[in-house]
Structures are given as structure tokens and as C-alpha cells.
Amino acid sequence: VDAASLATGGLRDLAAVLHGLYDVEAPRVATVKPVGDLAVAPSLRARVLEDSWCHAEVYAAARSKPAFRQGGFFRARGTPATWPAQDVSAPTAAIDRFFRAREAPAPWRIHNVSTPWTQIGHASKAKVVYRARVDDTKVIVKQSRKSGDGGGTTVYMELVYLESLRGRPGVPELLGAWWEASRLTYATVDGGEPMSGIDEVPLRKPGARRFATWARERPLQLARSLLACFWSWASAGWFLDDFKDDQFTITKDGDVYLVDGPRALATSPVGRAAVREWSRASQLQADSVVKCARDADCPRTHYSHSCSHPDHACEPGALGAPEARGKCLAEGKCALLSEKTHVFDVANRPWLLPGIAARAEDPAAGDFLRSLIRLASAEAPEDRPSFAELLDRLDQFEKSHRRRA
């Protein structure tokens, strides 16, 4: 490590590099406490990334090793303390170079996907989604609908999401990106089938049938998969405003993925980095302090998340968090959005924790999940547990449950 790294807080990048080298089969992995913050000095940050061996390619090569064994991350050993930490500087710089100089980051394994592509669902304003194959592997191909998509755009932010959270549970592996007839195109692993339609009778959609089977037969494993997915991005400054069941998928192994990139909280490290590099950025969720005299003075999130729009009702049984609906606190400031907002969400959507608890064949598991739902449904965000704390409670219950069995 060169002197510049040590002098400017480059240990943060070094920690991410070393963190990516762990082996999940090891019995224990020490937690590295990052020192310093490269974001405070952008010019020095750039020099560190250029001159030190903490350069993005080194980071990428170290973290390209799969973090979890085939067959489901919840069966791998590990906790949030040993899962890969989000590293903002190196992956963001790598995506920036891809947009400016067409230089692909080191972990990307493919640079094109042969036809045929089969379109999935309806095209959105930003992109069209397809299923395809690379050799014998199913992949998802997404193509921007805009020609010459540039830095700071919706697609740019999705690539930053995928790259900065590489290796975390529930974040699809980004396989590569390229320009197809001037349209930015990228491929990820196939995360399975959408978790939509679980309230239908009978269950028609494959994702709904998978969810119901796992919830009935292995509710604790499915709950862990779900909570780990949310922990991956919500604890790292990302926020899902367009909150719908078809944004999440489930594999045959019971792994849950968030397949559509969330927004970055505007004050988060990744949100600030995008604005600093491109002057403006799409897919930012406002989270600054707003003064208020009543709840109506406070901003609401998208209707699919806040469940507060009279003409756009959420699914029966769904409830938005108080701060998502607009909550004016006693001190005259609006309650801020945070990870704890999504903690409330997983406890108050019928296709998340309540859907698992309701289907669990094991009465003890169902009762335990309902206890988590009560904790996560606290009115004040500070009274709710974090996702890491929910996962810890679940792990402790599983251990005691196995001993009793």
C-alpha cells in the first residue's frame, strides 16, 4: 500500500479488498473497521485510485470470487458482519470509466449475449427486459430504451447498485455491459421468478407457488433470505420507492433477489458520489431535513410505497410506514426515510413476512415470525430493529429451535 493510500484514508478501500478475499467455509472472519473517508477529498481520492494498488481493478479482482456457494446463500456460513461491505469509491469509479472511456471493470465476464432474447413483461420507460442463455446458463438481459445513455442516468445508477453491492445476498451478479446499436445493454444472473400473485386462489404463477412452498415447509429459511436481501441494499443507503411484488424474484432454492435497481438516498455516500461526478443523477431519493407544522407539510413517497394515494390503493392488508406517508415530528421536522422505513415495509406487506408467517406449517416458526412483525411495526423508526438485528434474532431462534427439535 502506498503512502497516498495511508495518508488519505485509503484503508477504506484496502478493507474492502481484504474483505472480498474471505472464504465462507472458514469458521470465523474478523470484522474490519474502516478508517478514514475518501469522499472528503475527491482529488486525493482520484489520486489514490490511480496510483495505489487499491485501484478499482484490484478491488474487482479480489471481490470477483463468489461470496456464497451454489445452492442458496442462507445455507452458507456467514452473517452481515462477514458478508461483503459496500465499497463506494472503487466500484463507482469503475462504472464512471466504463461510461467515459468504455473500459469494462475486471469482474465482468461477458461483453455480449447472442440471440434469441425472449422479452419478459412490458417494457418500462427506461428499459426492456429479456431472458437469454450464455452457454447453458440462464441470464437476464436489460436494454436501455434511450440511445446513448450516459452517466448519472437511471441505467447508470442501476449498474452502480449492482457493482457496489457485488456479492451481497439478494443482489443479482452483474455479468457485463456493452452498447448494442448505441443502446446500453447489460446482463445479470437469472434471479428466478417474480414474487407476484401470492394472493391468488389457486396460485397460477410459478414465483407465487415457490414462495408458498418455501413459506409452508421452510419458513425460517425463506424469512432469512428475504431479510438478507433487504439488509444488502437498505442498510447501504439505497431505497426502493417503486415498491411492488414483481420487483422481487425467488429461485427454486428459495433465494430472494431485488432485480430492479432501487434509488440511492440523496445524502448517502453513493448518492453524493454520483452527483459529484456527473453534476446530477437520476434515481435519487430525497432525504433532506424538511420543516413542518403538520403531517401534510411532509413529502410522501411513491404511492406504491406509501399506500397513501386514494386513487392507487396498495394490496389489501398493506400499510405504509408513517414517515413514508408524511410524519411531522414534535420538533417541527419531518421524519426521515431510512433503512428502518423498509423494516416497517417487510412487516406490513402480505407478500413479505406476513405471507410467510401465515403459511408456516410449524406453529413455533409462525409465532416467532409474528413476533418479528410486531417489533418491526413500531410507529417510531428508532423503536424498530435494524435488518441486522432481525437477522440476529432469527439466527438465535433457529439455533434454539434446532436444539429443542
Foldseek 3Di string as FASTA:
>chain_A
DDPLLVVAQVQLLVLLLVLLQDALVDPDDDFDDGDHDNVVPVVSLVVCLPPPCSHLQSSLVSNLPARADPQDRLPTHDAVRSFRDQDQSRLLVQLQCCQVPVDHHDSAADADFDDDWAWDDDADQFWTWTWGDDVNFIKIKIKGPDFQDGAQEQVSLLSSVLRRLPNFFQRWHWNTWYADPRIIMTMTHDAAAFCPQLPDVPRDGPQNVLLLVCLAEPLLSLQLLQLSQLCSAQVQQFDAQQDDRRQWGAHNSNHIHRNRGTAGACPGPNNVVSCVVVVHHPRYDYFDKDFADFQVSFDAGHCQAQLQDPVDHYPPQAHFASLNSGGQDPVRIRDTDGQLRVLLRQLGDCSHLVVSLVNYPDVVVSVVSPVLSVQSNDNDSVSHDGSSVVSVVSVVVVVVVVVVD
